[in-house]
Protein backbone atom coordinates (compact mmCIF):
# COMPACT_ATOMS: atom_id res chain seq x y z
CA MET A 1 0.66 34.23 61.18
CA ALA A 2 2.52 31.68 63.28
CA GLN A 3 2.07 29.14 60.48
CA GLN A 4 3.68 31.51 57.95
CA GLU A 5 6.59 32.15 60.30
CA ASN A 6 7.14 28.43 60.84
CA GLN A 7 7.03 27.86 57.08
CA LEU A 8 9.58 30.64 56.57
CA ASP A 9 11.86 29.19 59.24
CA GLY A 10 11.43 25.74 57.78
CA GLU A 11 12.66 27.00 54.40
CA ARG A 12 15.64 28.74 56.09
CA PHE A 13 16.76 25.71 58.10
CA SER A 14 16.16 23.04 55.40
CA CYS A 15 18.90 21.25 53.47
CA SER A 16 18.56 21.99 49.77
CA ILE A 17 19.83 18.49 48.92
CA CYS A 18 17.51 16.27 50.99
CA LEU A 19 14.83 19.00 51.49
CA ASP A 20 14.56 18.01 55.15
CA LEU A 21 15.54 19.94 58.31
CA LEU A 22 19.31 20.21 58.71
CA LYS A 23 20.98 17.30 60.48
CA ASP A 24 24.54 17.90 61.74
CA PRO A 25 24.58 21.20 59.78
CA VAL A 26 27.84 22.37 58.22
CA THR A 27 28.51 25.70 56.51
CA ILE A 28 30.88 25.76 53.55
CA GLY A 29 33.05 28.64 52.29
CA CYS A 30 30.33 30.32 50.20
CA GLY A 31 28.04 30.56 53.27
CA HIS A 32 25.45 27.89 52.37
CA SER A 33 24.63 25.19 54.87
CA TYR A 34 23.87 21.48 54.36
CA CYS A 35 23.48 18.26 56.26
CA MET A 36 27.01 16.91 56.75
CA SER A 37 26.12 13.53 55.20
CA CYS A 38 24.38 15.18 52.21
CA ILE A 39 27.29 17.44 51.23
CA LYS A 40 29.79 14.61 51.79
CA THR A 41 27.86 12.34 49.41
CA HIS A 42 27.61 15.20 46.91
CA TRP A 43 31.36 15.79 46.97
CA ASP A 44 32.18 12.09 46.91
CA ASP A 45 30.63 12.05 43.45
CA GLN A 46 32.98 14.91 42.43
CA ASP A 47 36.20 13.29 43.67
CA GLU A 48 37.16 12.04 40.20
CA ARG A 49 36.94 15.53 38.74
CA GLY A 50 38.97 17.08 41.55
CA ILE A 51 36.70 20.15 41.63
CA TYR A 52 34.13 20.65 44.37
CA SER A 53 31.17 22.99 44.05
CA CYS A 54 28.26 24.33 46.07
CA PRO A 55 24.98 22.74 44.93
CA GLN A 56 23.19 26.12 45.22
CA CYS A 57 25.53 28.89 44.02
CA ARG A 58 27.92 26.62 42.09
CA GLU A 59 31.03 28.26 43.66
CA THR A 60 33.97 25.89 43.18
CA PHE A 61 36.81 24.91 45.49
CA ALA A 62 40.16 23.65 44.22
CA LEU A 63 40.63 21.52 47.34
CA ARG A 64 37.90 19.60 49.09
CA PRO A 65 36.92 21.75 52.10
CA VAL A 66 37.20 20.27 55.54
CA LEU A 67 33.69 19.99 57.01
CA VAL A 68 33.08 21.15 60.57
CA LYS A 69 29.73 20.94 62.29
CA ASN A 70 28.07 24.32 62.77
CA THR A 71 27.20 23.97 66.44
CA MET A 72 25.25 27.21 66.64
CA PHE A 73 23.09 26.22 63.64
CA ALA A 74 22.51 22.77 65.12
CA ASP A 75 21.40 24.19 68.48
CA LEU A 76 19.13 26.72 66.76
CA VAL A 77 17.43 24.00 64.69
CA GLU A 78 16.87 21.86 67.77
CA GLU A 79 15.45 24.85 69.67
CA LEU A 80 13.08 25.77 66.84
CA LYS A 81 11.85 22.17 66.50
CA LYS A 82 10.25 22.56 69.91
CA THR A 83 8.10 25.41 68.53
CA GLY A 84 6.71 23.18 65.75
CA LEU A 85 9.26 23.84 63.07
CA GLN A 86 8.86 21.53 60.08
CA ALA A 87 10.85 21.06 56.94
CA ALA A 88 9.85 23.31 54.08
CA PRO A 89 7.89 21.51 51.39
CA ALA A 90 9.85 20.71 48.29
CA ASP A 91 9.11 22.82 45.24
CA HIS A 92 7.35 19.90 43.58
CA CYS A 93 4.86 19.84 46.52
CA TYR A 94 3.55 23.31 45.70
CA ALA A 95 0.59 23.62 43.32
CA GLY A 96 1.40 24.68 39.79
CA PRO A 97 -0.95 26.08 37.12
CA GLU A 98 -2.02 22.58 36.10
CA ASP A 99 -2.51 21.29 39.65
CA VAL A 100 -5.47 21.41 42.05
CA ALA A 101 -4.48 23.66 44.98
CA CYS A 102 -5.40 23.15 48.63
CA ASP A 103 -8.32 25.43 49.52
CA PHE A 104 -7.09 25.86 53.13
CA CYS A 105 -3.44 26.77 52.54
CA THR A 106 -2.59 30.46 52.89
CA GLY A 107 0.25 32.12 51.04
CA ARG A 108 1.86 29.72 48.57
CA LYS A 109 -0.60 26.82 48.27
CA LEU A 110 0.35 23.14 48.30
CA LYS A 111 -1.01 20.52 45.92
CA ALA A 112 -4.30 18.97 46.98
CA LEU A 113 -4.14 15.30 47.88
CA LYS A 114 -7.92 14.72 47.91
CA SER A 115 -11.18 16.54 47.25
CA CYS A 116 -14.25 16.11 49.47
CA LEU A 117 -17.62 15.80 47.73
CA VAL A 118 -19.43 16.82 50.93
CA CYS A 119 -17.29 19.83 51.87
CA LEU A 120 -16.80 20.65 48.17
CA ALA A 121 -13.21 21.59 48.95
CA SER A 122 -9.74 20.22 48.22
CA TYR A 123 -7.09 19.50 50.85
CA CYS A 124 -3.33 19.03 51.00
CA GLU A 125 -1.93 16.21 53.14
CA LYS A 126 -1.75 18.36 56.29
CA HIS A 127 -5.24 19.88 56.04
CA LEU A 128 -6.70 16.52 55.09
CA GLN A 129 -5.82 14.96 58.46
CA PRO A 130 -9.13 15.99 60.21
CA HIS A 131 -11.05 13.91 57.65
CA PHE A 132 -9.07 10.87 58.81
CA GLN A 133 -9.03 11.67 62.52
CA SER A 134 -12.39 13.29 63.37
CA PRO A 135 -15.61 11.17 63.50
CA ALA A 136 -17.52 14.20 62.17
CA PHE A 137 -15.93 13.62 58.72
CA LYS A 138 -16.39 9.84 58.71
CA LYS A 139 -19.20 9.87 56.12
CA HIS A 140 -17.54 12.37 53.83
CA LYS A 141 -16.67 11.09 50.35
CA LEU A 142 -13.04 11.69 49.38
CA VAL A 143 -12.06 11.53 45.69
CA GLU A 144 -9.03 12.39 43.56
CA PRO A 145 -8.35 16.15 43.44
CA SER A 146 -10.84 17.90 41.15
CA GLU A 147 -11.24 21.47 39.94
CA LYS A 148 -14.86 20.82 38.97
CA LEU A 149 -16.35 20.63 42.45
CA GLN A 150 -18.53 23.67 41.83
CA GLU A 151 -20.30 21.75 39.10
CA ASN A 152 -21.75 19.64 41.92
CA ILE A 153 -23.65 22.71 43.23
CA CYS A 154 -27.06 23.59 41.79
CA SER A 155 -26.79 27.10 40.40
CA ARG A 156 -30.46 27.77 41.12
CA HIS A 157 -30.82 26.49 44.68
CA ASP A 158 -27.16 26.53 45.78
CA GLU A 159 -27.56 22.93 46.98
CA VAL A 160 -25.42 19.88 46.32
CA LYS A 161 -26.67 17.83 43.37
CA LYS A 162 -27.54 14.39 44.71
CA MET A 163 -30.33 13.42 42.28
CA PHE A 164 -30.52 12.51 38.60
CA CYS A 165 -33.45 13.27 36.30
CA ARG A 166 -33.78 10.50 33.74
CA THR A 167 -36.42 12.46 31.85
CA ASP A 168 -34.05 15.38 31.15
CA GLN A 169 -30.83 13.37 31.53
CA GLN A 170 -29.23 15.80 33.98
CA CYS A 171 -28.02 15.98 37.58
CA ILE A 172 -30.25 17.96 39.95
CA CYS A 173 -30.51 18.83 43.64
CA TYR A 174 -33.30 17.73 46.02
CA LEU A 175 -35.20 21.03 45.61
CA CYS A 176 -35.12 20.62 41.82
CA SER A 177 -36.82 17.23 42.18
CA VAL A 178 -39.82 18.81 43.95
CA ASP A 179 -39.86 21.89 41.76
CA GLU A 180 -39.42 21.97 37.95
CA HIS A 181 -38.63 18.21 37.84
CA LYS A 182 -41.57 17.31 40.08
CA ASP A 183 -43.31 14.83 37.74
CA HIS A 184 -40.13 13.55 36.11
CA ASP A 185 -38.48 10.17 36.52
CA THR A 186 -35.87 10.99 39.17
CA VAL A 187 -33.52 8.71 41.13
CA SER A 188 -30.55 9.24 43.38
CA ALA A 189 -27.26 9.97 41.67
CA ALA A 190 -25.84 6.84 43.32
CA ALA A 191 -28.62 4.66 41.85
CA GLU A 192 -28.10 6.10 38.35
CA ARG A 193 -24.35 5.61 38.73
CA THR A 194 -24.91 1.97 39.67
CA GLU A 195 -27.14 1.46 36.63
CA ARG A 196 -24.70 3.06 34.25
CA GLN A 197 -21.79 1.30 35.88
CA ARG A 198 -23.33 -1.97 34.71
CA GLU A 199 -23.29 -0.65 31.14
CA LEU A 200 -19.62 0.23 31.33
CA GLY A 201 -18.52 -3.40 31.30
CA PRO A 202 -20.08 -4.32 27.94
CA ARG A 203 -19.10 -0.97 26.49
CA ARG A 204 -15.51 -1.43 27.58
CA GLN A 205 -15.54 -4.92 26.14
CA THR A 206 -16.78 -3.50 22.84
CA ILE A 207 -14.12 -0.80 22.87
CA GLN A 208 -11.40 -3.27 23.87
CA GLN A 209 -12.48 -5.66 21.13
CA ARG A 210 -12.45 -2.82 18.63
CA LEU A 211 -9.07 -1.75 19.96
CA GLN A 212 -7.72 -5.27 19.52
CA ASP A 213 -9.15 -5.36 15.99
CA ARG A 214 -7.52 -2.05 15.12
CA GLU A 215 -4.19 -3.13 16.62
CA LYS A 216 -4.47 -6.33 14.61
CA ASP A 217 -5.21 -4.26 11.49
CA VAL A 218 -2.17 -2.07 12.18
CA LYS A 219 -0.03 -5.19 12.58
CA LEU A 220 -1.43 -6.60 9.34
CA LEU A 221 -0.68 -3.33 7.58
CA GLN A 222 2.87 -3.38 8.93
CA GLN A 223 3.25 -6.93 7.62
CA GLU A 224 1.67 -5.81 4.34
CA GLU A 225 4.14 -2.93 4.10
CA GLU A 226 7.04 -5.31 4.63
CA ALA A 227 5.58 -7.73 2.08
CA VAL A 228 5.09 -4.92 -0.47
CA ASN A 229 8.66 -3.73 0.03
CA ARG A 230 10.03 -7.26 -0.32
CA SER A 231 7.89 -7.92 -3.40
CA ALA A 232 8.82 -4.59 -5.01
CA ASP A 233 12.54 -5.10 -4.31
CA LYS A 234 12.41 -8.62 -5.76
CA ALA A 235 10.42 -7.41 -8.80
CA VAL A 236 13.00 -4.67 -9.45
CA GLU A 237 15.86 -7.14 -9.02
CA ASP A 238 14.24 -9.77 -11.26
CA SER A 239 13.27 -7.17 -13.87
CA GLU A 240 16.84 -5.87 -13.99
CA LYS A 241 18.14 -9.43 -14.47
CA ILE A 242 15.62 -10.15 -17.22
CA PHE A 243 16.33 -6.90 -19.07
CA THR A 244 20.08 -7.47 -18.64
CA GLU A 245 19.66 -10.93 -20.18
CA LEU A 246 17.63 -9.40 -23.02
CA ILE A 247 20.34 -6.80 -23.61
CA ARG A 248 23.00 -9.52 -23.62
CA LEU A 249 20.87 -11.61 -25.99
CA LEU A 250 20.48 -8.63 -28.35
CA GLU A 251 24.20 -7.86 -28.15
CA LYS A 252 25.04 -11.50 -28.93
CA ARG A 253 22.54 -11.58 -31.79
CA SER A 254 23.99 -8.30 -33.09
CA SER A 255 27.49 -9.78 -32.89
CA ASP A 256 26.34 -12.96 -34.67
CA VAL A 257 24.69 -10.97 -37.47
CA LYS A 258 27.78 -8.80 -37.82
CA GLN A 259 30.01 -11.89 -37.98
CA GLN A 260 27.76 -13.56 -40.55
CA ILE A 261 27.71 -10.43 -42.70
CA ARG A 262 31.51 -10.08 -42.57
CA SER A 263 32.02 -13.77 -43.32
CA GLN A 264 29.68 -13.62 -46.32
CA GLN A 265 31.32 -10.36 -47.36
CA GLU A 266 34.75 -12.04 -47.33
CA THR A 267 33.46 -15.01 -49.36
CA GLU A 268 31.81 -12.81 -51.97
CA VAL A 269 34.81 -10.46 -52.26
CA SER A 270 37.16 -13.45 -52.63
CA ARG A 271 34.98 -14.90 -55.39
CA VAL A 272 34.89 -11.55 -57.21
CA LYS A 273 38.68 -11.17 -56.97
CA GLU A 274 39.24 -14.68 -58.27
CA LEU A 275 37.06 -14.01 -61.30
CA GLN A 276 38.73 -10.66 -61.75
CA GLU A 277 42.22 -12.24 -61.83
CA LYS A 278 41.08 -14.83 -64.42
CA LEU A 279 39.67 -12.14 -66.63
CA GLU A 280 42.80 -9.98 -66.31
CA GLN A 281 45.02 -12.97 -67.28
CA GLU A 282 42.86 -13.65 -70.29
CA ILE A 283 42.98 -9.98 -71.28
CA THR A 284 46.78 -10.07 -71.14
CA GLU A 285 46.91 -13.23 -73.25
CA LEU A 286 44.47 -11.81 -75.80
CA LYS A 287 46.49 -8.61 -76.13
CA ARG A 288 49.68 -10.65 -76.76
CA ARG A 289 47.96 -12.73 -79.48
CA ASP A 290 46.52 -9.62 -81.00
CA ASP A 291 50.02 -8.09 -81.29
CA GLU A 292 51.40 -11.27 -82.93
CA LEU A 293 48.54 -11.38 -85.40
CA LYS A 294 49.07 -7.74 -86.15
CA GLN A 295 52.76 -8.38 -86.98
CA LEU A 296 51.80 -11.43 -89.09
CA SER A 297 49.34 -9.36 -91.03
CA HIS A 298 52.16 -7.04 -92.07
CA THR A 299 54.50 -9.90 -93.23
CA GLU A 300 55.11 -9.69 -96.99
CA ASP A 301 56.62 -13.18 -97.27
CA HIS A 302 53.79 -15.46 -98.15
CA ILE A 303 55.62 -18.59 -97.13
CA GLN A 304 56.45 -17.19 -93.68
CA PHE A 305 52.88 -16.02 -93.25
CA LEU A 306 51.55 -19.52 -94.00
CA LEU A 307 54.16 -21.23 -91.82
CA ASN A 308 53.44 -19.01 -88.74
CA TYR A 309 49.73 -18.74 -89.14
CA PRO A 310 48.78 -22.10 -87.53
CA SER A 311 50.87 -21.36 -84.42
CA LEU A 312 49.17 -17.98 -84.00
CA SER A 313 45.66 -19.25 -84.27
CA LEU A 314 43.50 -18.91 -81.23
CA SER A 315 43.55 -21.85 -78.89
CA GLU A 316 40.42 -22.75 -77.03
CA SER A 317 40.16 -20.30 -74.17
CA THR A 318 37.52 -19.33 -71.74
CA HIS A 319 35.41 -16.78 -73.47
CA SER A 320 34.09 -14.07 -71.18
CA SER A 321 30.55 -15.00 -72.07
CA SER A 322 31.13 -18.52 -70.67
CA ILE A 323 32.09 -17.19 -67.22
CA ARG A 324 28.91 -17.28 -65.21
CA ILE A 325 29.03 -14.25 -62.94
CA ARG A 326 26.23 -14.57 -60.45
CA PRO A 327 24.48 -11.28 -59.62
CA LEU A 328 26.01 -10.10 -56.35
CA ARG A 329 23.65 -10.46 -53.39
CA TYR A 330 24.06 -7.27 -51.43
CA PHE A 331 23.02 -6.89 -47.78
CA GLU A 332 20.11 -4.44 -47.94
CA ASP A 333 17.75 -7.34 -47.21
CA VAL A 334 19.59 -7.97 -43.94
CA THR A 335 18.99 -4.38 -42.86
CA ALA A 336 15.33 -4.74 -43.77
CA ALA A 337 15.07 -7.98 -41.77
CA VAL A 338 16.75 -6.39 -38.72
CA SER A 339 14.44 -3.38 -39.03
CA GLN A 340 11.48 -5.74 -39.08
CA VAL A 341 12.74 -7.41 -35.89
CA ARG A 342 13.15 -3.98 -34.33
CA GLY A 343 9.58 -3.08 -35.22
CA ARG A 344 8.24 -6.29 -33.71
CA LEU A 345 10.27 -5.74 -30.55
CA GLN A 346 8.97 -2.17 -30.28
CA ASP A 347 5.40 -3.44 -30.61
CA ILE A 348 6.00 -6.09 -27.96
CA LEU A 349 7.69 -3.61 -25.61
CA SER A 350 4.91 -1.08 -26.11
CA GLU A 351 2.23 -3.68 -25.44
CA THR A 352 4.03 -5.11 -22.39
CA GLU A 353 4.79 -1.62 -21.05
CA THR A 354 1.08 -0.78 -21.06
CA LYS A 355 0.24 -4.10 -19.44
CA ILE A 356 3.01 -3.77 -16.82
CA LEU A 357 1.99 -0.20 -15.95
CA GLN A 358 -1.62 -1.34 -15.61
CA ILE A 359 -0.63 -4.20 -13.30
CA VAL A 360 1.67 -1.96 -11.23
CA SER A 361 -1.02 0.72 -10.89
CA GLN A 362 -3.51 -1.87 -9.64
CA VAL A 363 -1.38 -3.16 -6.77
CA ASP A 364 -3.77 -2.85 -3.85
CA VAL A 365 -2.73 -3.34 -0.22
CA LEU A 366 -5.45 -1.38 1.51
CA LEU A 367 -7.85 -2.93 3.93
CA PRO A 368 -10.85 -4.42 2.10
CA GLN A 369 -13.26 -1.72 0.98
CA PRO A 370 -17.02 -2.23 0.88
CA GLU A 371 -18.59 -2.89 -2.49
CA PRO A 372 -20.12 0.11 -4.27
CA LYS A 373 -23.76 0.77 -3.42
CA THR A 374 -25.10 2.97 -6.21
CA ARG A 375 -24.70 2.71 -9.97
CA ALA A 376 -22.66 5.93 -9.87
CA ASP A 377 -20.31 4.24 -7.40
CA PHE A 378 -19.92 1.29 -9.76
CA PHE A 379 -19.16 3.65 -12.65
CA LYS A 380 -15.98 4.73 -10.82
CA TYR A 381 -14.57 1.31 -11.73
CA SER A 382 -16.04 1.09 -15.25
CA GLN A 383 -13.86 -0.88 -17.68
CA GLU A 384 -14.13 -0.52 -21.45
CA ILE A 385 -14.08 -4.01 -22.95
CA THR A 386 -13.83 -5.21 -26.55
CA LEU A 387 -14.09 -8.75 -27.88
CA ASP A 388 -11.15 -10.61 -29.42
CA PRO A 389 -11.97 -11.93 -32.95
CA ASN A 390 -9.18 -14.50 -32.62
CA THR A 391 -11.14 -16.25 -29.85
CA ALA A 392 -14.65 -16.08 -31.39
CA HIS A 393 -16.34 -19.26 -32.61
CA LYS A 394 -16.57 -19.14 -36.42
CA GLU A 395 -20.38 -18.83 -36.38
CA LEU A 396 -20.29 -15.71 -34.18
CA LEU A 397 -20.47 -12.32 -35.87
CA LEU A 398 -18.67 -9.43 -34.17
CA SER A 399 -19.84 -5.87 -34.85
CA GLU A 400 -20.03 -2.39 -33.30
CA GLY A 401 -16.26 -2.17 -33.03
CA ASN A 402 -16.01 -5.72 -31.63
CA ARG A 403 -18.37 -4.86 -28.76
CA LYS A 404 -21.40 -6.80 -30.05
CA VAL A 405 -21.67 -10.52 -30.84
CA THR A 406 -24.49 -12.34 -32.64
CA LEU A 407 -24.94 -16.05 -33.35
CA MET A 408 -25.40 -16.42 -37.14
CA ARG A 409 -25.34 -20.26 -37.56
CA GLU A 410 -23.07 -19.90 -40.59
CA GLU A 411 -19.32 -19.61 -40.66
CA GLN A 412 -17.82 -16.13 -40.80
CA PHE A 413 -14.60 -15.26 -42.57
CA TYR A 414 -12.13 -15.89 -39.75
CA SER A 415 -8.58 -17.11 -40.26
CA HIS A 416 -7.27 -20.07 -38.34
CA HIS A 417 -6.04 -19.19 -34.85
CA PRO A 418 -5.07 -21.43 -31.89
CA ASP A 419 -7.03 -19.22 -29.45
CA ARG A 420 -10.36 -19.80 -31.21
CA PHE A 421 -13.18 -21.77 -29.54
CA THR A 422 -13.99 -24.58 -31.95
CA TYR A 423 -17.22 -26.04 -30.51
CA TRP A 424 -18.91 -23.77 -27.96
CA PHE A 425 -20.36 -20.45 -29.17
CA GLN A 426 -18.03 -18.41 -26.98
CA VAL A 427 -15.74 -15.38 -27.26
CA LEU A 428 -13.28 -13.67 -24.89
CA SER A 429 -12.32 -10.04 -24.31
CA ARG A 430 -9.06 -8.57 -25.51
CA GLU A 431 -8.47 -6.88 -22.15
CA SER A 432 -7.28 -8.68 -19.03
CA LEU A 433 -9.11 -7.76 -15.82
CA THR A 434 -7.37 -7.11 -12.52
CA GLY A 435 -8.01 -4.73 -9.64
CA ARG A 436 -11.58 -3.39 -9.39
CA CYS A 437 -13.59 -3.44 -12.63
CA TYR A 438 -17.22 -2.95 -13.62
CA TRP A 439 -18.91 -3.49 -16.99
CA GLU A 440 -22.45 -3.89 -18.32
CA LEU A 441 -23.93 -5.99 -21.12
CA GLU A 442 -27.18 -5.45 -23.05
CA ARG A 443 -28.63 -8.84 -24.02
CA GLU A 444 -31.24 -10.00 -26.51
CA GLY A 445 -32.32 -13.62 -26.31
CA GLY A 446 -30.55 -16.40 -24.46
CA VAL A 447 -26.96 -15.50 -23.57
CA SER A 448 -24.47 -16.07 -20.77
CA VAL A 449 -21.89 -13.72 -19.25
CA ALA A 450 -18.72 -15.06 -17.73
CA VAL A 451 -15.18 -14.44 -16.53
CA THR A 452 -12.35 -16.91 -17.08
CA TYR A 453 -8.62 -17.41 -16.92
CA LYS A 454 -6.87 -17.08 -20.27
CA ASN A 455 -5.52 -20.65 -20.17
CA ILE A 456 -8.97 -22.23 -20.54
CA ASN A 457 -8.97 -24.90 -23.26
CA ARG A 458 -10.24 -23.86 -26.71
CA ALA A 459 -10.41 -26.90 -29.01
CA GLY A 460 -13.13 -29.54 -28.65
CA ARG A 461 -16.47 -29.99 -26.93
CA SER A 462 -15.26 -31.07 -23.47
CA ASP A 463 -16.26 -29.18 -20.32
CA LYS A 464 -12.64 -27.98 -20.06
CA CYS A 465 -13.52 -25.54 -22.87
CA ARG A 466 -16.98 -24.56 -21.65
CA PHE A 467 -17.54 -21.47 -19.45
CA GLY A 468 -18.79 -22.37 -15.98
CA PHE A 469 -18.07 -26.09 -16.27
CA ASN A 470 -14.47 -26.08 -15.00
CA ASP A 471 -12.43 -24.51 -12.20
CA LYS A 472 -11.10 -21.79 -14.52
CA SER A 473 -14.37 -19.95 -15.26
CA TRP A 474 -17.51 -18.51 -13.63
CA MET A 475 -20.71 -17.98 -15.64
CA LEU A 476 -24.19 -16.48 -15.17
CA ASP A 477 -26.67 -17.91 -17.69
CA CYS A 478 -29.51 -15.52 -18.64
CA ASP A 479 -32.35 -17.26 -20.50
CA GLY A 480 -35.37 -14.96 -20.65
CA ASN A 481 -36.33 -14.23 -17.03
CA ILE A 482 -34.44 -17.22 -15.61
CA TYR A 483 -30.95 -16.94 -14.14
CA ASN A 484 -28.53 -19.76 -13.28
CA PHE A 485 -24.96 -19.60 -12.04
CA TYR A 486 -22.30 -22.20 -12.95
CA HIS A 487 -18.79 -22.84 -11.69
CA ASN A 488 -16.80 -26.07 -11.96
CA SER A 489 -19.98 -27.82 -13.24
CA ILE A 490 -21.88 -26.87 -10.05
CA HIS A 491 -25.28 -25.36 -10.82
CA THR A 492 -26.82 -22.67 -8.55
CA PRO A 493 -30.33 -21.36 -9.34
CA VAL A 494 -30.51 -17.55 -9.05
CA SER A 495 -33.59 -15.40 -8.50
CA GLY A 496 -33.92 -11.76 -9.41
CA PRO A 497 -35.93 -9.21 -11.39
CA PRO A 498 -35.85 -9.63 -15.18
CA SER A 499 -33.79 -7.10 -17.08
CA SER A 500 -32.13 -6.92 -20.47
CA ARG A 501 -29.04 -5.37 -18.90
CA VAL A 502 -26.58 -7.24 -16.66
CA GLY A 503 -23.81 -5.59 -14.63
CA VAL A 504 -20.65 -7.39 -13.58
CA TYR A 505 -18.43 -6.15 -10.73
CA LEU A 506 -14.98 -7.64 -10.08
CA ASN A 507 -12.67 -6.93 -7.15
CA HIS A 508 -9.79 -9.16 -8.17
CA SER A 509 -7.55 -8.70 -5.12
CA ALA A 510 -10.46 -9.23 -2.71
CA GLY A 511 -11.71 -12.26 -4.67
CA VAL A 512 -15.18 -10.76 -5.20
CA LEU A 513 -17.28 -11.33 -8.33
CA SER A 514 -20.85 -9.98 -8.39
CA PHE A 515 -23.61 -10.07 -11.03
CA TYR A 516 -26.40 -7.45 -11.01
CA SER A 517 -29.74 -6.98 -12.73
CA VAL A 518 -29.64 -3.36 -13.93
CA SER A 519 -32.73 -1.21 -14.48
CA ASP A 520 -33.74 1.91 -12.54
CA THR A 521 -32.05 0.25 -9.59
CA MET A 522 -29.33 -2.38 -9.25
CA THR A 523 -30.29 -5.75 -7.76
CA LEU A 524 -27.63 -8.24 -6.73
CA LEU A 525 -28.24 -11.56 -8.49
CA HIS A 526 -25.26 -13.59 -7.31
CA ARG A 527 -22.00 -12.94 -5.46
CA VAL A 528 -18.85 -15.07 -5.48
CA GLN A 529 -16.18 -14.91 -2.79
CA THR A 530 -13.03 -16.79 -3.78
CA THR A 531 -9.32 -16.31 -4.51
CA PHE A 532 -8.30 -15.42 -8.05
CA THR A 533 -4.80 -16.61 -8.95
CA GLN A 534 -4.52 -15.15 -12.47
CA PRO A 535 -5.80 -12.15 -14.41
CA LEU A 536 -9.36 -12.72 -15.67
CA TYR A 537 -10.97 -12.13 -19.07
CA ALA A 538 -14.60 -11.29 -19.76
CA GLY A 539 -16.47 -13.99 -21.69
CA VAL A 540 -19.76 -14.16 -23.60
CA VAL A 541 -21.82 -17.15 -24.71
CA VAL A 542 -24.64 -16.83 -27.30
CA ASN A 543 -27.01 -19.79 -27.04
CA TYR A 544 -29.58 -19.33 -29.85
CA SER A 545 -29.58 -18.21 -33.47
CA GLY A 546 -30.24 -14.48 -33.70
CA SER A 547 -29.47 -13.90 -30.01
CA SER A 548 -26.92 -11.19 -29.29
CA VAL A 549 -25.17 -9.36 -26.51
CA GLU A 550 -23.42 -5.98 -26.57
CA LEU A 551 -20.81 -4.61 -24.17
CA CYS A 552 -22.09 -1.16 -23.16
CA LYS A 553 -20.11 2.08 -23.21
CA LEU A 554 -20.27 3.51 -19.68
CA LYS A 555 -18.01 6.56 -20.01
């Protein structure tokens, strides 16, 4: 009761600014009291505004009040101090809903400063003092305030849990260890804590390492985002420049064609007018002669007729049949030629639009993904591939919609093309390969499957033209049940189960190229990890007469 009264007095005689007992108390016009130094400092901050207010009720004063010490209040505070009066705790010292409250405070409870694992109670600063001062509490274990102290009590025996059962992985009390946990592996809670404490170090190191890795990944992704934005902005800028140049080129070509047409038009019209004037002059002259001859024909005087006749005879003139009028060359052919150019441009734009959209859609900035595991996973990246007749050696026969190739050992009816392989029995796909792609080939006899850059050499028998024997191509040779991998003329023997079907997986951005033997299961034959600098094309080599390979439909 006395404690509650002291607390009430402490609240009454505390300064609401410094939250301590009043020192040199003054009472202002609204009736509230403060330490003289506290209210002076408060009003000093309000001097610039010229309005002074009470920190509690906010009543304002036009003039700064003169402060006079409240002698009666000061004497009363000093008198009450002798009875144990203390300053009222600040509001932030009282326990809120989220705080652990002192178990020994009555009335409004203060925040607990510590919890005791022996007493199983929590204490504020004042009630904690006996634990620091009395020898009886010397061995008590103080921890940060906890609301879970009751979890330390065994619900069955109402005893403090000081043991740990390793068999059941739970905390128990001493009576539990001699009762239902009698034959179990039990140790003290302190011993188990020590054991597990040793494990925390490596676990923390693992977590910290993983944390560092993830932070590094986040940083890489941020850099990737910036790089993507820069690349996209530059691509848009460059594309706009290129298309602007194309538009200007087309406008200039249109202007040139228009000028040429008008110039030729002027020449042809001038020529026609010149011929027309000649003909009109001759017509006039012929009409005049015709009139004279008509008059002569009506002359009755024979002598006059004979005398005038020679002068009226026709002189040599340009007969109309001798004027060579060339057939006029009209300009319909120009329109046809321009239309043909338009058609070719449309084809080019359509082809490049598809290719550009494909490249844009395959931009991949995600963290590297694991390779597919099952055949169904690989099918998600299946790529339909056809072979390009313009690249096929002349003794290779393409069939099944240009998906199958067979070595015939006699020339097929192919036209000349600069992309054609002239010595090695090879052929390339029409489609370029970027992003993640998967395709399968069904083979019969000795064949090889490959990927290559498009700029591989074509003419001649040098290794620069041969799949797997230069730095532009990678090849898996399949001869019966024997596999061999080649790149840049380096030979790597490969072991694996025999199968007539080979699967090829490409992750272009990750630089991964994998070959699989496909049957009921998929077996990895060989995996390449490198950096691809250009789009790739699928390649096929047929080594023996009658051997063939077909690109399979997977969808």
